[in-house]
Amino acid sequence: MYPLDRNIASCRSWEDFEQLVANEYGDKGSSGNKGKGDIFERLTQLFLKTSPIYASKLKHVWWCNNPYTNEFPSDVRRKLNLPDDDEGID
């Protein structure tokens, strides 16, 4: 479990998630935007891995620029021609 997971798990609705993001990452400049991107990417990964619709169709759901681990295979990154660092383009 990543630190972001506790925050995500505390949300019971999309509105709760929006409020969490506003409170935690409001107007903090680029670090706030990085935090917003990280928590949204993790939420998306968790959704895709646990939703019955997607979990049965997707073999892997990697967090491309996970700040905690390097879970995204480097050979896949090279094949897709993705940069090594998060460029904030999502």
C-alpha atoms as a PDB file:
ATOM      1  CA  MET A   1       0.000   0.000   0.000  1.00  0.00           C
ATOM      2  CA  TYR A   2       1.323   3.401  -0.977  1.00  0.00           C
ATOM      3  CA  PRO A   3       0.826   6.534   1.186  1.00  0.00           C
ATOM      4  CA  LEU A   4      -1.685   7.871  -1.370  1.00  0.00           C
ATOM      5  CA  ASP A   5      -3.851   4.782  -0.891  1.00  0.00           C
ATOM      6  CA  ARG A   6      -4.968   5.781   2.608  1.00  0.00           C
ATOM      7  CA  ASN A   7      -6.153   9.132   1.290  1.00  0.00           C
ATOM      8  CA  ILE A   8      -7.949   7.510  -1.634  1.00  0.00           C
ATOM      9  CA  ALA A   9      -9.550   4.890   0.637  1.00  0.00           C
ATOM     10  CA  SER A  10     -10.951   7.638   2.858  1.00  0.00           C
ATOM     11  CA  CYS A  11     -13.059   8.951  -0.051  1.00  0.00           C
ATOM     12  CA  ARG A  12     -16.590   7.611  -0.351  1.00  0.00           C
ATOM     13  CA  SER A  13     -17.556   9.625  -3.440  1.00  0.00           C
ATOM     14  CA  TRP A  14     -16.086  11.566  -6.338  1.00  0.00           C
ATOM     15  CA  GLU A  15     -16.882  14.745  -4.402  1.00  0.00           C
ATOM     16  CA  ASP A  16     -14.804  13.456  -1.459  1.00  0.00           C
ATOM     17  CA  PHE A  17     -11.926  12.810  -3.854  1.00  0.00           C
ATOM     18  CA  GLU A  18     -12.203  16.291  -5.362  1.00  0.00           C
ATOM     19  CA  GLN A  19     -12.188  17.807  -1.873  1.00  0.00           C
ATOM     20  CA  LEU A  20      -9.155  15.735  -0.885  1.00  0.00           C
ATOM     21  CA  VAL A  21      -7.235  16.902  -3.937  1.00  0.00           C
ATOM     22  CA  ALA A  22      -8.216  20.527  -3.345  1.00  0.00           C
ATOM     23  CA  ASN A  23      -7.183  20.350   0.324  1.00  0.00           C
ATOM     24  CA  GLU A  24      -3.950  18.410  -0.173  1.00  0.00           C
ATOM     25  CA  TYR A  25      -2.716  19.819  -3.476  1.00  0.00           C
ATOM     26  CA  GLY A  26      -4.592  23.104  -3.931  1.00  0.00           C
ATOM     27  CA  ASP A  27      -2.617  26.052  -5.233  1.00  0.00           C
ATOM     28  CA  LYS A  28       0.873  24.738  -4.455  1.00  0.00           C
ATOM     29  CA  GLY A  29       2.400  25.402  -7.867  1.00  0.00           C
ATOM     30  CA  SER A  30       4.202  22.654  -9.739  1.00  0.00           C
ATOM     31  CA  SER A  31       4.604  20.383  -6.703  1.00  0.00           C
ATOM     32  CA  GLY A  32       0.855  20.627  -6.237  1.00  0.00           C
ATOM     33  CA  ASN A  33       0.306  19.693  -9.859  1.00  0.00           C
ATOM     34  CA  LYS A  34       2.708  16.749  -9.508  1.00  0.00           C
ATOM     35  CA  GLY A  35       0.795  15.595  -6.430  1.00  0.00           C
ATOM     36  CA  LYS A  36      -2.513  15.962  -8.252  1.00  0.00           C
ATOM     37  CA  GLY A  37      -1.169  13.915 -11.136  1.00  0.00           C
ATOM     38  CA  ASP A  38       0.194  11.201  -8.834  1.00  0.00           C
ATOM     39  CA  ILE A  39      -3.020  10.740  -6.870  1.00  0.00           C
ATOM     40  CA  PHE A  40      -5.178  10.750 -10.014  1.00  0.00           C
ATOM     41  CA  GLU A  41      -2.881   8.233 -11.726  1.00  0.00           C
ATOM     42  CA  ARG A  42      -3.012   5.960  -8.668  1.00  0.00           C
ATOM     43  CA  LEU A  43      -6.815   6.253  -8.472  1.00  0.00           C
ATOM     44  CA  THR A  44      -7.032   5.326 -12.149  1.00  0.00           C
ATOM     45  CA  GLN A  45      -4.712   2.348 -11.678  1.00  0.00           C
ATOM     46  CA  LEU A  46      -6.718   1.079  -8.708  1.00  0.00           C
ATOM     47  CA  PHE A  47      -9.965   1.484 -10.622  1.00  0.00           C
ATOM     48  CA  LEU A  48      -8.695  -0.401 -13.660  1.00  0.00           C
ATOM     49  CA  LYS A  49      -7.282  -3.209 -11.504  1.00  0.00           C
ATOM     50  CA  THR A  50     -10.444  -3.678  -9.432  1.00  0.00           C
ATOM     51  CA  SER A  51     -13.363  -2.868 -11.729  1.00  0.00           C
ATOM     52  CA  PRO A  52     -14.901  -6.148 -12.906  1.00  0.00           C
ATOM     53  CA  ILE A  53     -15.203  -4.727 -16.410  1.00  0.00           C
ATOM     54  CA  TYR A  54     -11.516  -3.916 -16.772  1.00  0.00           C
ATOM     55  CA  ALA A  55      -9.842  -6.362 -14.383  1.00  0.00           C
ATOM     56  CA  SER A  56     -10.945  -9.285 -16.536  1.00  0.00           C
ATOM     57  CA  LYS A  57      -9.678  -7.651 -19.747  1.00  0.00           C
ATOM     58  CA  LEU A  58      -6.392  -6.044 -18.712  1.00  0.00           C
ATOM     59  CA  LYS A  59      -3.402  -8.189 -17.889  1.00  0.00           C
ATOM     60  CA  HIS A  60      -1.176  -5.381 -16.552  1.00  0.00           C
ATOM     61  CA  VAL A  61      -1.983  -1.907 -15.272  1.00  0.00           C
ATOM     62  CA  TRP A  62       1.260  -0.143 -14.444  1.00  0.00           C
ATOM     63  CA  TRP A  63       1.679   3.254 -12.868  1.00  0.00           C
ATOM     64  CA  CYS A  64       4.145   4.603 -15.408  1.00  0.00           C
ATOM     65  CA  ASN A  65       5.947   7.081 -13.125  1.00  0.00           C
ATOM     66  CA  ASN A  66       5.266   5.587  -9.715  1.00  0.00           C
ATOM     67  CA  PRO A  67       7.218   7.732  -7.217  1.00  0.00           C
ATOM     68  CA  TYR A  68       7.539   4.796  -4.780  1.00  0.00           C
ATOM     69  CA  THR A  69       8.704   1.913  -6.982  1.00  0.00           C
ATOM     70  CA  ASN A  70       9.853   1.266 -10.500  1.00  0.00           C
ATOM     71  CA  GLU A  71       7.011  -1.050 -11.495  1.00  0.00           C
ATOM     72  CA  PHE A  72       6.879  -0.091 -15.161  1.00  0.00           C
ATOM     73  CA  PRO A  73       9.124  -2.457 -17.150  1.00  0.00           C
ATOM     74  CA  SER A  74      11.949  -0.626 -18.886  1.00  0.00           C
ATOM     75  CA  ASP A  75      11.605  -2.749 -22.045  1.00  0.00           C
ATOM     76  CA  VAL A  76       7.952  -1.676 -22.358  1.00  0.00           C
ATOM     77  CA  ARG A  77       8.934   1.960 -21.740  1.00  0.00           C
ATOM     78  CA  ARG A  78      11.525   1.745 -24.542  1.00  0.00           C
ATOM     79  CA  LYS A  79       9.117  -0.033 -26.915  1.00  0.00           C
ATOM     80  CA  LEU A  80       6.522   2.712 -26.375  1.00  0.00           C
ATOM     81  CA  ASN A  81       9.220   5.401 -26.608  1.00  0.00           C
ATOM     82  CA  LEU A  82       8.204   6.928 -23.268  1.00  0.00           C
ATOM     83  CA  PRO A  83      10.520   9.315 -21.400  1.00  0.00           C
ATOM     84  CA  ASP A  84      12.240   8.160 -18.202  1.00  0.00           C
ATOM     85  CA  ASP A  85      10.847  11.084 -16.192  1.00  0.00           C
ATOM     86  CA  ASP A  86       7.295  12.278 -15.686  1.00  0.00           C
ATOM     87  CA  GLU A  87       6.687  15.150 -18.074  1.00  0.00           C
ATOM     88  CA  GLY A  88       3.242  15.987 -16.749  1.00  0.00           C
ATOM     89  CA  ILE A  89       1.590  15.374 -20.086  1.00  0.00           C
ATOM     90  CA  ASP A  90      -1.351  13.271 -18.918  1.00  0.00           C
END
